[in-house]
Amino acid sequence: MPHIECSVFFFSLATAKGSGEEFINEVAGISRTSHINIVTLLGFCYERRKRALIYEFMPNGSLDSFSHNDNARSDLRLGWEKLAIGMARGLEYLHRGCNTRILHLDIKPQNIILDNDFNPKISDFGLSKLCLKRESIVSMFAARVTGGYIAPEVFSRSFGRVSYKSDVYSYGMMLIEMIGGRNDLNVGTDQSSEVYFSDQVYKLIEQGQIILGGPDPRFHG
């Protein structure tokens, strides 16, 4: 067999999808995707509550590891417009370009992978949900996710119902981080916390610590 480098994402008992049949159906839907801004799913493993997704290997790591790595090459800069457009095209494909709409529900820098040419690719579909295009709202099991970039309704029904707009919310939070010139906004809140990424952003804008239009020095326009 040929040697193929790959990345493997494991799921614990707490984060695995609700049922084996649901997991297999949704992985099958994701495996049919083909887009320059979506990481290719090579396969999956499933044994009772133990599950894993296998993706193509991306040599430049995640957007998070690049933007938050103090040891990264000082001469290397990423175009934030290229990143923003690439991520948007990937999300548009998931929401409108597939036979079945795919909601990612965990869009964040850790799940944006960079290929050889530093094109952004959406990865890690561990929380993703499938729904018919005529439907815009899905039901969710209790999801073990952190606050950060995730839309509040994904982990708490009190904020509304989950839809493709939840991905758009997360995408917007990432844009604010790139354009706002700060790389420490991911507060990593848990489900029980009442402090959310957007709340912190608004406070920092009011305090003058974020100036929209002043991009992170690791990104250029």
N, C-alpha and C. Protein backbone atom coordinates (compact mmCIF):
# COMPACT_ATOMS: atom_id res chain seq x y z
N MET A 1 0.84 -1.19 0.00
CA MET A 1 0.00 0.00 0.00
C MET A 1 0.87 1.24 0.00
N PRO A 2 0.47 2.30 -0.73
CA PRO A 2 1.26 3.53 -0.75
C PRO A 2 1.23 4.23 0.60
N HIS A 3 2.34 4.93 0.89
CA HIS A 3 2.43 5.67 2.14
C HIS A 3 1.67 6.99 2.01
N ILE A 4 0.71 7.23 2.87
CA ILE A 4 -0.09 8.45 2.83
C ILE A 4 -0.06 9.10 4.20
N GLU A 5 0.36 10.37 4.25
CA GLU A 5 0.31 11.11 5.50
C GLU A 5 -1.12 11.57 5.75
N CYS A 6 -1.56 11.47 6.97
CA CYS A 6 -2.92 11.87 7.29
C CYS A 6 -2.99 12.43 8.71
N SER A 7 -4.10 13.06 9.02
CA SER A 7 -4.37 13.57 10.36
C SER A 7 -5.58 12.83 10.91
N VAL A 8 -5.52 12.46 12.18
CA VAL A 8 -6.61 11.70 12.80
C VAL A 8 -7.18 12.48 13.97
N PHE A 9 -8.49 12.67 13.97
CA PHE A 9 -9.19 13.36 15.05
C PHE A 9 -10.01 12.32 15.83
N PHE A 10 -9.70 12.16 17.10
CA PHE A 10 -10.41 11.19 17.94
C PHE A 10 -11.52 11.88 18.73
N PHE A 11 -12.58 11.13 19.02
CA PHE A 11 -13.70 11.65 19.79
C PHE A 11 -13.85 10.83 21.06
N SER A 12 -13.97 11.52 22.18
CA SER A 12 -14.17 10.85 23.45
C SER A 12 -15.63 10.43 23.60
N LEU A 13 -15.92 9.69 24.65
CA LEU A 13 -17.30 9.27 24.90
C LEU A 13 -18.22 10.46 25.05
N ALA A 14 -17.71 11.55 25.64
CA ALA A 14 -18.56 12.71 25.92
C ALA A 14 -18.88 13.50 24.67
N THR A 15 -17.98 13.47 23.66
CA THR A 15 -18.18 14.32 22.49
C THR A 15 -18.68 13.55 21.28
N ALA A 16 -18.78 12.23 21.36
CA ALA A 16 -19.23 11.45 20.22
C ALA A 16 -20.68 11.75 19.89
N LYS A 17 -21.04 11.55 18.62
CA LYS A 17 -22.41 11.83 18.20
C LYS A 17 -23.38 10.87 18.87
N GLY A 18 -24.67 11.19 18.79
CA GLY A 18 -25.67 10.48 19.55
C GLY A 18 -25.77 8.99 19.26
N SER A 19 -25.81 8.57 18.00
CA SER A 19 -25.97 7.16 17.69
C SER A 19 -25.01 6.77 16.58
N GLY A 20 -24.71 5.46 16.52
CA GLY A 20 -23.80 4.98 15.49
C GLY A 20 -24.34 5.22 14.09
N GLU A 21 -25.63 4.99 13.90
CA GLU A 21 -26.23 5.20 12.58
C GLU A 21 -26.15 6.66 12.16
N GLU A 22 -26.43 7.55 13.10
CA GLU A 22 -26.35 8.98 12.81
C GLU A 22 -24.92 9.37 12.44
N PHE A 23 -23.95 8.86 13.19
CA PHE A 23 -22.54 9.16 12.92
C PHE A 23 -22.16 8.72 11.52
N ILE A 24 -22.51 7.49 11.15
CA ILE A 24 -22.15 6.95 9.84
C ILE A 24 -22.83 7.73 8.73
N ASN A 25 -24.11 8.07 8.89
CA ASN A 25 -24.82 8.83 7.86
C ASN A 25 -24.20 10.19 7.64
N GLU A 26 -23.82 10.86 8.72
CA GLU A 26 -23.27 12.20 8.59
C GLU A 26 -21.85 12.16 8.05
N VAL A 27 -21.07 11.16 8.43
CA VAL A 27 -19.73 11.01 7.86
C VAL A 27 -19.84 10.72 6.37
N ALA A 28 -20.81 9.90 5.98
CA ALA A 28 -21.00 9.60 4.56
C ALA A 28 -21.31 10.87 3.78
N GLY A 29 -22.14 11.74 4.36
CA GLY A 29 -22.46 13.00 3.69
C GLY A 29 -21.25 13.89 3.55
N ILE A 30 -20.44 13.97 4.60
CA ILE A 30 -19.24 14.81 4.57
C ILE A 30 -18.22 14.26 3.59
N SER A 31 -18.12 12.93 3.47
CA SER A 31 -17.12 12.32 2.59
C SER A 31 -17.38 12.63 1.13
N ARG A 32 -18.58 13.05 0.79
CA ARG A 32 -18.90 13.36 -0.60
C ARG A 32 -18.56 14.81 -0.97
N THR A 33 -18.06 15.58 -0.02
CA THR A 33 -17.71 16.96 -0.30
C THR A 33 -16.41 17.03 -1.08
N SER A 34 -16.30 18.03 -1.94
CA SER A 34 -15.08 18.25 -2.72
C SER A 34 -14.96 19.73 -3.02
N HIS A 35 -14.06 20.40 -2.31
CA HIS A 35 -13.89 21.84 -2.48
C HIS A 35 -12.50 22.22 -2.02
N ILE A 36 -11.90 23.20 -2.67
CA ILE A 36 -10.54 23.61 -2.36
C ILE A 36 -10.41 24.12 -0.93
N ASN A 37 -11.49 24.59 -0.35
CA ASN A 37 -11.43 25.12 1.01
C ASN A 37 -12.03 24.19 2.06
N ILE A 38 -12.14 22.90 1.72
CA ILE A 38 -12.60 21.87 2.65
C ILE A 38 -11.56 20.75 2.69
N VAL A 39 -11.10 20.38 3.88
CA VAL A 39 -10.14 19.29 4.00
C VAL A 39 -10.80 17.98 3.58
N THR A 40 -10.08 17.18 2.80
CA THR A 40 -10.63 15.92 2.31
C THR A 40 -10.69 14.88 3.43
N LEU A 41 -11.86 14.30 3.61
CA LEU A 41 -12.04 13.23 4.59
C LEU A 41 -11.68 11.91 3.92
N LEU A 42 -10.65 11.23 4.44
CA LEU A 42 -10.17 9.98 3.84
C LEU A 42 -10.88 8.75 4.38
N GLY A 43 -11.35 8.83 5.61
CA GLY A 43 -12.01 7.67 6.19
C GLY A 43 -12.41 7.93 7.63
N PHE A 44 -12.95 6.90 8.27
CA PHE A 44 -13.35 7.03 9.67
C PHE A 44 -13.25 5.68 10.37
N CYS A 45 -13.22 5.72 11.67
CA CYS A 45 -13.23 4.51 12.50
C CYS A 45 -14.38 4.61 13.49
N TYR A 46 -15.04 3.49 13.70
CA TYR A 46 -16.20 3.50 14.61
C TYR A 46 -16.27 2.17 15.34
N GLU A 47 -16.23 2.22 16.66
CA GLU A 47 -16.39 1.04 17.49
C GLU A 47 -17.12 1.44 18.75
N ARG A 48 -18.41 1.14 18.79
CA ARG A 48 -19.27 1.55 19.89
C ARG A 48 -19.18 3.06 20.08
N ARG A 49 -18.66 3.51 21.23
CA ARG A 49 -18.58 4.95 21.49
C ARG A 49 -17.23 5.54 21.11
N LYS A 50 -16.35 4.73 20.55
CA LYS A 50 -15.04 5.22 20.12
C LYS A 50 -15.10 5.55 18.64
N ARG A 51 -14.77 6.79 18.30
CA ARG A 51 -14.89 7.23 16.91
C ARG A 51 -13.72 8.11 16.54
N ALA A 52 -13.38 8.10 15.26
CA ALA A 52 -12.28 8.93 14.77
C ALA A 52 -12.52 9.28 13.32
N LEU A 53 -12.07 10.46 12.91
CA LEU A 53 -12.14 10.91 11.53
C LEU A 53 -10.72 11.05 11.00
N ILE A 54 -10.49 10.62 9.76
CA ILE A 54 -9.16 10.62 9.17
C ILE A 54 -9.16 11.58 7.98
N TYR A 55 -8.29 12.59 8.03
CA TYR A 55 -8.24 13.63 7.00
C TYR A 55 -6.89 13.63 6.30
N GLU A 56 -6.85 14.27 5.12
CA GLU A 56 -5.58 14.50 4.45
C GLU A 56 -4.70 15.37 5.35
N PHE A 57 -3.39 15.17 5.26
CA PHE A 57 -2.45 15.90 6.10
C PHE A 57 -2.14 17.26 5.49
N MET A 58 -2.18 18.30 6.32
CA MET A 58 -1.86 19.65 5.88
C MET A 58 -0.57 20.10 6.58
N PRO A 59 0.51 20.33 5.82
CA PRO A 59 1.84 20.56 6.41
C PRO A 59 2.00 21.85 7.20
N ASN A 60 1.18 22.85 6.94
CA ASN A 60 1.36 24.13 7.60
C ASN A 60 0.51 24.31 8.86
N GLY A 61 -0.13 23.24 9.29
CA GLY A 61 -0.86 23.29 10.55
C GLY A 61 -2.12 24.13 10.48
N SER A 62 -2.58 24.55 11.63
CA SER A 62 -3.83 25.30 11.72
C SER A 62 -3.57 26.81 11.73
N LEU A 63 -4.61 27.56 11.46
CA LEU A 63 -4.53 29.02 11.54
C LEU A 63 -4.19 29.44 12.96
N ASP A 64 -4.70 28.72 13.93
CA ASP A 64 -4.42 29.04 15.33
C ASP A 64 -2.94 28.87 15.65
N SER A 65 -2.35 27.76 15.21
CA SER A 65 -0.94 27.51 15.51
C SER A 65 -0.04 28.53 14.83
N PHE A 66 -0.47 29.02 13.66
CA PHE A 66 0.32 30.05 12.97
C PHE A 66 0.22 31.39 13.66
N SER A 67 -1.00 31.84 13.93
CA SER A 67 -1.19 33.19 14.46
C SER A 67 -0.80 33.33 15.92
N HIS A 68 -0.78 32.22 16.67
CA HIS A 68 -0.46 32.28 18.10
C HIS A 68 0.91 31.72 18.43
N ASN A 69 1.70 31.39 17.40
CA ASN A 69 3.01 30.79 17.62
C ASN A 69 4.09 31.86 17.58
N ASP A 70 4.68 32.15 18.73
CA ASP A 70 5.73 33.16 18.80
C ASP A 70 7.00 32.74 18.06
N ASN A 71 7.13 31.43 17.78
CA ASN A 71 8.33 30.94 17.11
C ASN A 71 8.14 30.81 15.60
N ALA A 72 6.98 31.26 15.10
CA ALA A 72 6.73 31.19 13.66
C ALA A 72 7.69 32.10 12.91
N ARG A 73 7.91 31.81 11.65
CA ARG A 73 8.82 32.61 10.84
C ARG A 73 8.39 34.07 10.84
N SER A 74 9.32 34.95 11.21
CA SER A 74 8.99 36.37 11.30
C SER A 74 8.79 37.02 9.94
N ASP A 75 9.31 36.38 8.88
CA ASP A 75 9.21 36.97 7.55
C ASP A 75 7.96 36.51 6.81
N LEU A 76 7.17 35.64 7.44
CA LEU A 76 6.01 35.08 6.77
C LEU A 76 4.74 35.78 7.22
N ARG A 77 3.99 36.30 6.27
CA ARG A 77 2.73 36.97 6.56
C ARG A 77 1.63 36.35 5.71
N LEU A 78 0.45 36.23 6.29
CA LEU A 78 -0.70 35.72 5.55
C LEU A 78 -1.63 36.86 5.20
N GLY A 79 -2.19 36.81 4.01
CA GLY A 79 -3.17 37.82 3.62
C GLY A 79 -4.51 37.52 4.27
N TRP A 80 -4.97 38.41 5.15
CA TRP A 80 -6.23 38.14 5.85
C TRP A 80 -7.40 38.12 4.88
N GLU A 81 -7.31 38.89 3.77
CA GLU A 81 -8.39 38.86 2.79
C GLU A 81 -8.47 37.49 2.11
N LYS A 82 -7.30 36.91 1.79
CA LYS A 82 -7.27 35.56 1.20
C LYS A 82 -7.88 34.55 2.16
N LEU A 83 -7.53 34.67 3.43
CA LEU A 83 -8.08 33.75 4.43
C LEU A 83 -9.58 33.93 4.58
N ALA A 84 -10.02 35.19 4.66
CA ALA A 84 -11.44 35.48 4.86
C ALA A 84 -12.27 34.97 3.70
N ILE A 85 -11.80 35.23 2.48
CA ILE A 85 -12.55 34.79 1.29
C ILE A 85 -12.55 33.27 1.19
N GLY A 86 -11.41 32.64 1.46
CA GLY A 86 -11.34 31.18 1.40
C GLY A 86 -12.28 30.52 2.39
N MET A 87 -12.29 31.01 3.63
CA MET A 87 -13.19 30.44 4.63
C MET A 87 -14.65 30.66 4.25
N ALA A 88 -14.96 31.85 3.72
CA ALA A 88 -16.33 32.15 3.31
C ALA A 88 -16.78 31.23 2.19
N ARG A 89 -15.89 30.98 1.23
CA ARG A 89 -16.25 30.09 0.12
C ARG A 89 -16.45 28.66 0.61
N GLY A 90 -15.63 28.24 1.58
CA GLY A 90 -15.81 26.91 2.14
C GLY A 90 -17.15 26.77 2.84
N LEU A 91 -17.52 27.78 3.63
CA LEU A 91 -18.80 27.74 4.33
C LEU A 91 -19.97 27.80 3.35
N GLU A 92 -19.84 28.64 2.32
CA GLU A 92 -20.92 28.73 1.32
C GLU A 92 -21.13 27.37 0.65
N TYR A 93 -20.03 26.68 0.38
CA TYR A 93 -20.14 25.35 -0.24
C TYR A 93 -20.87 24.38 0.69
N LEU A 94 -20.50 24.38 1.97
CA LEU A 94 -21.15 23.48 2.92
C LEU A 94 -22.64 23.79 3.05
N HIS A 95 -22.98 25.08 3.04
CA HIS A 95 -24.36 25.49 3.27
C HIS A 95 -25.22 25.45 2.01
N ARG A 96 -24.61 25.66 0.83
CA ARG A 96 -25.41 25.81 -0.38
C ARG A 96 -24.94 24.95 -1.55
N GLY A 97 -23.70 24.45 -1.50
CA GLY A 97 -23.14 23.75 -2.65
C GLY A 97 -23.27 22.24 -2.61
N CYS A 98 -23.72 21.68 -1.51
CA CYS A 98 -23.87 20.23 -1.39
C CYS A 98 -25.33 19.83 -1.56
N ASN A 99 -25.55 18.57 -1.91
CA ASN A 99 -26.93 18.09 -2.03
C ASN A 99 -27.66 18.21 -0.70
N THR A 100 -26.95 17.96 0.38
CA THR A 100 -27.50 18.11 1.73
C THR A 100 -26.70 19.18 2.45
N ARG A 101 -27.38 20.14 3.04
CA ARG A 101 -26.69 21.23 3.74
C ARG A 101 -25.92 20.67 4.94
N ILE A 102 -24.68 21.10 5.08
CA ILE A 102 -23.83 20.67 6.19
C ILE A 102 -23.56 21.86 7.11
N LEU A 103 -23.93 21.72 8.38
CA LEU A 103 -23.63 22.73 9.38
C LEU A 103 -22.40 22.27 10.15
N HIS A 104 -21.34 23.05 10.14
CA HIS A 104 -20.10 22.64 10.79
C HIS A 104 -20.21 22.75 12.31
N LEU A 105 -20.62 23.93 12.80
CA LEU A 105 -20.92 24.19 14.22
C LEU A 105 -19.70 24.25 15.14
N ASP A 106 -18.51 24.28 14.56
CA ASP A 106 -17.31 24.42 15.39
C ASP A 106 -16.22 25.17 14.62
N ILE A 107 -16.63 26.25 13.96
CA ILE A 107 -15.69 27.06 13.19
C ILE A 107 -14.84 27.89 14.15
N LYS A 108 -13.53 27.67 14.11
CA LYS A 108 -12.59 28.40 14.96
C LYS A 108 -11.20 28.23 14.36
N PRO A 109 -10.21 29.04 14.76
CA PRO A 109 -8.88 28.97 14.15
C PRO A 109 -8.25 27.58 14.22
N GLN A 110 -8.52 26.83 15.28
CA GLN A 110 -7.95 25.49 15.40
C GLN A 110 -8.45 24.55 14.31
N ASN A 111 -9.62 24.84 13.74
CA ASN A 111 -10.21 23.98 12.73
C ASN A 111 -10.08 24.54 11.32
N ILE A 112 -9.27 25.57 11.16
CA ILE A 112 -8.93 26.07 9.83
C ILE A 112 -7.49 25.65 9.55
N ILE A 113 -7.31 24.74 8.59
CA ILE A 113 -6.00 24.16 8.30
C ILE A 113 -5.43 24.82 7.05
N LEU A 114 -4.10 25.00 7.03
CA LEU A 114 -3.43 25.68 5.92
C LEU A 114 -2.67 24.67 5.06
N ASP A 115 -2.92 24.71 3.73
CA ASP A 115 -2.23 23.77 2.84
C ASP A 115 -0.85 24.31 2.45
N ASN A 116 -0.22 23.69 1.46
CA ASN A 116 1.13 24.09 1.06
C ASN A 116 1.21 25.54 0.64
N ASP A 117 0.14 26.05 0.03
CA ASP A 117 0.11 27.44 -0.44
C ASP A 117 -0.61 28.36 0.55
N PHE A 118 -0.81 27.87 1.77
CA PHE A 118 -1.48 28.62 2.82
C PHE A 118 -2.92 28.99 2.46
N ASN A 119 -3.55 28.14 1.65
CA ASN A 119 -4.99 28.28 1.42
C ASN A 119 -5.71 27.71 2.64
N PRO A 120 -6.74 28.40 3.15
CA PRO A 120 -7.46 27.89 4.32
C PRO A 120 -8.41 26.76 3.94
N LYS A 121 -8.45 25.73 4.76
CA LYS A 121 -9.35 24.60 4.55
C LYS A 121 -10.08 24.30 5.86
N ILE A 122 -11.39 24.19 5.78
CA ILE A 122 -12.20 23.87 6.96
C ILE A 122 -12.04 22.40 7.30
N SER A 123 -11.79 22.12 8.58
CA SER A 123 -11.55 20.74 9.01
C SER A 123 -12.34 20.44 10.28
N ASP A 124 -12.22 19.20 10.75
CA ASP A 124 -12.82 18.71 11.99
C ASP A 124 -14.34 18.87 12.01
N PHE A 125 -15.03 17.89 11.44
CA PHE A 125 -16.48 17.92 11.36
C PHE A 125 -17.11 17.11 12.49
N GLY A 126 -16.44 17.06 13.64
CA GLY A 126 -16.92 16.24 14.75
C GLY A 126 -18.26 16.65 15.31
N LEU A 127 -18.63 17.94 15.21
CA LEU A 127 -19.92 18.40 15.72
C LEU A 127 -20.92 18.68 14.60
N SER A 128 -20.54 18.40 13.37
CA SER A 128 -21.36 18.81 12.22
C SER A 128 -22.71 18.09 12.19
N LYS A 129 -23.67 18.75 11.54
CA LYS A 129 -25.01 18.21 11.37
C LYS A 129 -25.42 18.36 9.92
N LEU A 130 -26.20 17.41 9.43
CA LEU A 130 -26.75 17.48 8.08
C LEU A 130 -28.22 17.87 8.15
N CYS A 131 -28.67 18.66 7.18
CA CYS A 131 -30.11 18.97 7.10
C CYS A 131 -30.46 19.25 5.65
N LEU A 132 -31.72 19.05 5.30
CA LEU A 132 -32.18 19.34 3.95
C LEU A 132 -32.08 20.83 3.68
N LYS A 133 -31.86 21.18 2.42
CA LYS A 133 -31.68 22.60 2.08
C LYS A 133 -32.92 23.43 2.41
N ARG A 134 -34.09 22.80 2.34
CA ARG A 134 -35.30 23.56 2.64
C ARG A 134 -35.46 23.77 4.14
N GLU A 135 -34.62 23.08 4.93
CA GLU A 135 -34.65 23.26 6.38
C GLU A 135 -33.46 24.12 6.79
N SER A 136 -33.66 24.98 7.76
CA SER A 136 -32.57 25.84 8.20
C SER A 136 -32.22 25.62 9.66
N ILE A 137 -33.02 24.81 10.37
CA ILE A 137 -32.82 24.62 11.80
C ILE A 137 -32.65 23.13 12.09
N VAL A 138 -31.72 22.80 12.97
CA VAL A 138 -31.49 21.41 13.35
C VAL A 138 -31.60 21.27 14.85
N SER A 139 -31.85 20.04 15.30
CA SER A 139 -31.85 19.76 16.73
C SER A 139 -30.47 19.30 17.13
N MET A 140 -30.09 19.58 18.37
CA MET A 140 -28.75 19.25 18.85
C MET A 140 -28.83 18.45 20.13
N PHE A 141 -27.96 17.44 20.25
CA PHE A 141 -27.74 16.84 21.55
C PHE A 141 -26.91 17.82 22.35
N ALA A 142 -26.83 17.65 23.64
CA ALA A 142 -25.99 18.52 24.45
C ALA A 142 -24.56 18.41 23.95
N ALA A 143 -24.01 19.51 23.47
CA ALA A 143 -22.68 19.49 22.87
C ALA A 143 -21.66 19.97 23.87
N ARG A 144 -20.57 19.24 23.99
CA ARG A 144 -19.49 19.64 24.89
C ARG A 144 -18.53 20.50 24.09
N VAL A 145 -18.77 21.79 24.07
CA VAL A 145 -17.93 22.73 23.33
C VAL A 145 -17.57 23.88 24.25
N THR A 146 -16.59 24.66 23.82
CA THR A 146 -16.23 25.84 24.58
C THR A 146 -16.88 27.07 23.97
N GLY A 147 -16.97 28.14 24.74
CA GLY A 147 -17.59 29.37 24.25
C GLY A 147 -16.83 29.93 23.07
N GLY A 148 -15.79 30.72 23.34
CA GLY A 148 -14.93 31.22 22.28
C GLY A 148 -15.66 31.72 21.07
N TYR A 149 -15.42 31.08 19.94
CA TYR A 149 -15.99 31.49 18.66
C TYR A 149 -17.36 30.87 18.40
N ILE A 150 -17.77 29.94 19.22
CA ILE A 150 -18.99 29.18 18.95
C ILE A 150 -20.22 30.00 19.29
N ALA A 151 -21.21 29.98 18.39
CA ALA A 151 -22.46 30.70 18.63
C ALA A 151 -23.12 30.17 19.90
N PRO A 152 -23.64 31.05 20.76
CA PRO A 152 -24.21 30.62 22.05
C PRO A 152 -25.31 29.57 21.91
N GLU A 153 -26.11 29.63 20.83
CA GLU A 153 -27.22 28.69 20.72
C GLU A 153 -26.76 27.25 20.49
N VAL A 154 -25.48 27.07 20.08
CA VAL A 154 -24.98 25.71 19.85
C VAL A 154 -24.92 24.93 21.15
N PHE A 155 -24.60 25.59 22.27
CA PHE A 155 -24.49 24.86 23.54
C PHE A 155 -25.54 25.25 24.56
N SER A 156 -26.48 26.14 24.18
CA SER A 156 -27.55 26.49 25.12
C SER A 156 -28.80 26.87 24.35
N ARG A 157 -29.88 26.13 24.57
CA ARG A 157 -31.13 26.39 23.86
C ARG A 157 -31.74 27.73 24.23
N SER A 158 -31.34 28.29 25.36
CA SER A 158 -31.92 29.56 25.81
C SER A 158 -31.57 30.71 24.87
N PHE A 159 -30.58 30.52 23.99
CA PHE A 159 -30.18 31.58 23.08
C PHE A 159 -30.86 31.47 21.72
N GLY A 160 -31.65 30.45 21.49
CA GLY A 160 -32.30 30.30 20.20
C GLY A 160 -32.02 28.93 19.61
N ARG A 161 -32.33 28.78 18.33
CA ARG A 161 -32.20 27.49 17.67
C ARG A 161 -31.00 27.48 16.73
N VAL A 162 -30.40 26.31 16.60
CA VAL A 162 -29.18 26.16 15.81
C VAL A 162 -29.52 26.12 14.32
N SER A 163 -28.76 26.86 13.52
CA SER A 163 -28.94 26.86 12.07
C SER A 163 -27.60 27.16 11.41
N TYR A 164 -27.61 27.28 10.07
CA TYR A 164 -26.38 27.63 9.36
C TYR A 164 -25.85 28.99 9.79
N LYS A 165 -26.72 29.82 10.35
CA LYS A 165 -26.29 31.14 10.82
C LYS A 165 -25.33 31.03 12.00
N SER A 166 -25.37 29.88 12.68
CA SER A 166 -24.43 29.67 13.78
C SER A 166 -22.99 29.63 13.26
N ASP A 167 -22.79 29.05 12.07
CA ASP A 167 -21.47 29.05 11.45
C ASP A 167 -21.06 30.46 11.04
N VAL A 168 -22.02 31.24 10.54
CA VAL A 168 -21.73 32.61 10.12
C VAL A 168 -21.29 33.44 11.32
N TYR A 169 -21.91 33.23 12.48
CA TYR A 169 -21.52 33.91 13.71
C TYR A 169 -20.05 33.63 14.02
N SER A 170 -19.67 32.35 13.99
CA SER A 170 -18.29 31.97 14.30
C SER A 170 -17.32 32.57 13.30
N TYR A 171 -17.71 32.58 12.03
CA TYR A 171 -16.88 33.19 10.99
C TYR A 171 -16.67 34.67 11.28
N GLY A 172 -17.71 35.35 11.68
CA GLY A 172 -17.61 36.78 12.01
C GLY A 172 -16.67 37.03 13.18
N MET A 173 -16.71 36.16 14.19
CA MET A 173 -15.81 36.31 15.33
C MET A 173 -14.35 36.16 14.91
N MET A 174 -14.09 35.26 13.96
CA MET A 174 -12.73 35.09 13.47
C MET A 174 -12.26 36.31 12.69
N LEU A 175 -13.16 36.90 11.92
CA LEU A 175 -12.81 38.12 11.17
C LEU A 175 -12.44 39.24 12.13
N ILE A 176 -13.21 39.38 13.20
CA ILE A 176 -12.91 40.44 14.18
C ILE A 176 -11.53 40.23 14.77
N GLU A 177 -11.17 38.98 15.05
CA GLU A 177 -9.85 38.72 15.62
C GLU A 177 -8.75 39.09 14.63
N MET A 178 -8.91 38.70 13.36
CA MET A 178 -7.87 38.98 12.37
C MET A 178 -7.74 40.47 12.08
N ILE A 179 -8.88 41.15 11.94
CA ILE A 179 -8.86 42.56 11.58
C ILE A 179 -8.57 43.43 12.79
N GLY A 180 -8.96 42.95 13.98
CA GLY A 180 -8.83 43.77 15.17
C GLY A 180 -7.43 43.88 15.73
N GLY A 181 -6.50 43.06 15.23
CA GLY A 181 -5.12 43.21 15.65
C GLY A 181 -4.79 42.60 16.99
N ARG A 182 -5.63 41.68 17.50
CA ARG A 182 -5.31 40.99 18.76
C ARG A 182 -5.39 39.48 18.52
N ASN A 183 -4.52 38.75 19.20
CA ASN A 183 -4.55 37.29 19.03
C ASN A 183 -4.80 36.57 20.34
N ASP A 184 -5.39 37.27 21.31
CA ASP A 184 -5.64 36.64 22.62
C ASP A 184 -7.10 36.75 23.03
N LEU A 185 -7.99 36.75 22.02
CA LEU A 185 -9.40 36.96 22.33
C LEU A 185 -10.15 35.67 22.61
N ASN A 186 -9.54 34.52 22.35
CA ASN A 186 -10.25 33.27 22.60
C ASN A 186 -10.25 32.98 24.09
N VAL A 187 -11.31 33.36 24.74
CA VAL A 187 -11.34 33.27 26.20
C VAL A 187 -11.56 31.85 26.70
N GLY A 188 -11.94 30.92 25.81
CA GLY A 188 -12.07 29.53 26.20
C GLY A 188 -13.10 29.29 27.26
N THR A 189 -14.22 29.97 27.20
CA THR A 189 -15.25 29.79 28.21
C THR A 189 -15.94 28.46 28.04
N ASP A 190 -16.49 27.94 29.11
CA ASP A 190 -17.24 26.69 29.01
C ASP A 190 -18.73 26.98 29.01
N GLN A 191 -19.51 25.90 28.93
CA GLN A 191 -20.95 26.05 28.76
C GLN A 191 -21.61 26.81 29.91
N SER A 192 -21.06 26.70 31.11
CA SER A 192 -21.69 27.32 32.27
C SER A 192 -21.33 28.79 32.43
N SER A 193 -20.37 29.27 31.64
CA SER A 193 -19.91 30.64 31.80
C SER A 193 -20.85 31.60 31.09
N GLU A 194 -20.98 32.80 31.64
CA GLU A 194 -21.79 33.83 31.01
C GLU A 194 -20.93 34.85 30.28
N VAL A 195 -19.62 34.57 30.14
CA VAL A 195 -18.71 35.45 29.42
C VAL A 195 -18.47 34.85 28.05
N TYR A 196 -18.78 35.57 26.99
CA TYR A 196 -18.63 35.06 25.64
C TYR A 196 -17.65 35.91 24.86
N PHE A 197 -17.12 35.32 23.83
CA PHE A 197 -16.14 35.98 22.98
C PHE A 197 -16.63 37.35 22.52
N SER A 198 -17.87 37.40 22.01
CA SER A 198 -18.40 38.66 21.49
C SER A 198 -18.50 39.72 22.57
N ASP A 199 -18.87 39.31 23.81
CA ASP A 199 -18.95 40.28 24.91
C ASP A 199 -17.59 40.91 25.17
N GLN A 200 -16.54 40.08 25.15
CA GLN A 200 -15.21 40.61 25.39
C GLN A 200 -14.79 41.55 24.26
N VAL A 201 -15.13 41.19 23.03
CA VAL A 201 -14.79 42.04 21.88
C VAL A 201 -15.43 43.41 22.03
N TYR A 202 -16.74 43.44 22.35
CA TYR A 202 -17.43 44.72 22.49
C TYR A 202 -16.79 45.59 23.57
N LYS A 203 -16.42 44.96 24.69
CA LYS A 203 -15.80 45.71 25.78
C LYS A 203 -14.46 46.29 25.36
N LEU A 204 -13.66 45.50 24.63
CA LEU A 204 -12.35 45.96 24.20
C LEU A 204 -12.46 47.08 23.17
N ILE A 205 -13.49 47.01 22.31
CA ILE A 205 -13.71 48.10 21.35
C ILE A 205 -14.06 49.38 22.09
N GLU A 206 -14.95 49.27 23.09
CA GLU A 206 -15.34 50.44 23.88
C GLU A 206 -14.15 51.04 24.62
N GLN A 207 -13.22 50.20 25.05
CA GLN A 207 -12.04 50.66 25.78
C GLN A 207 -10.93 51.15 24.86
N GLY A 208 -11.15 51.02 23.54
CA GLY A 208 -10.14 51.46 22.59
C GLY A 208 -8.99 50.50 22.41
N GLN A 209 -9.11 49.27 22.93
CA GLN A 209 -8.04 48.30 22.81
C GLN A 209 -8.09 47.54 21.49
N ILE A 210 -9.22 47.63 20.79
CA ILE A 210 -9.33 47.06 19.45
C ILE A 210 -9.72 48.18 18.51
N ILE A 211 -8.96 48.33 17.44
CA ILE A 211 -9.28 49.31 16.42
C ILE A 211 -9.56 48.55 15.14
N LEU A 212 -10.81 48.49 14.76
CA LEU A 212 -11.16 47.77 13.54
C LEU A 212 -10.48 48.45 12.36
N GLY A 213 -9.84 47.63 11.53
CA GLY A 213 -9.07 48.18 10.43
C GLY A 213 -7.58 48.12 10.70
N GLY A 214 -7.19 47.72 11.92
CA GLY A 214 -5.78 47.56 12.25
C GLY A 214 -5.47 46.09 12.41
N PRO A 215 -5.16 45.37 11.32
CA PRO A 215 -5.05 43.92 11.35
C PRO A 215 -3.90 43.40 12.19
N ASP A 216 -4.06 42.16 12.64
CA ASP A 216 -3.01 41.45 13.35
C ASP A 216 -1.73 41.55 12.52
N PRO A 217 -0.58 41.86 13.14
CA PRO A 217 0.65 42.00 12.38
C PRO A 217 1.08 40.75 11.63
N ARG A 218 0.54 39.60 11.98
CA ARG A 218 0.88 38.39 11.23
C ARG A 218 0.06 38.28 9.95
N PHE A 219 -0.90 39.17 9.77
CA PHE A 219 -1.72 39.16 8.57
C PHE A 219 -1.56 40.49 7.85
N HIS A 220 -1.60 40.45 6.53
CA HIS A 220 -1.55 41.69 5.77
C HIS A 220 -2.75 41.75 4.84
N GLY A 221 -3.15 42.96 4.44
CA GLY A 221 -4.32 43.12 3.60
C GLY A 221 -4.03 42.89 2.15
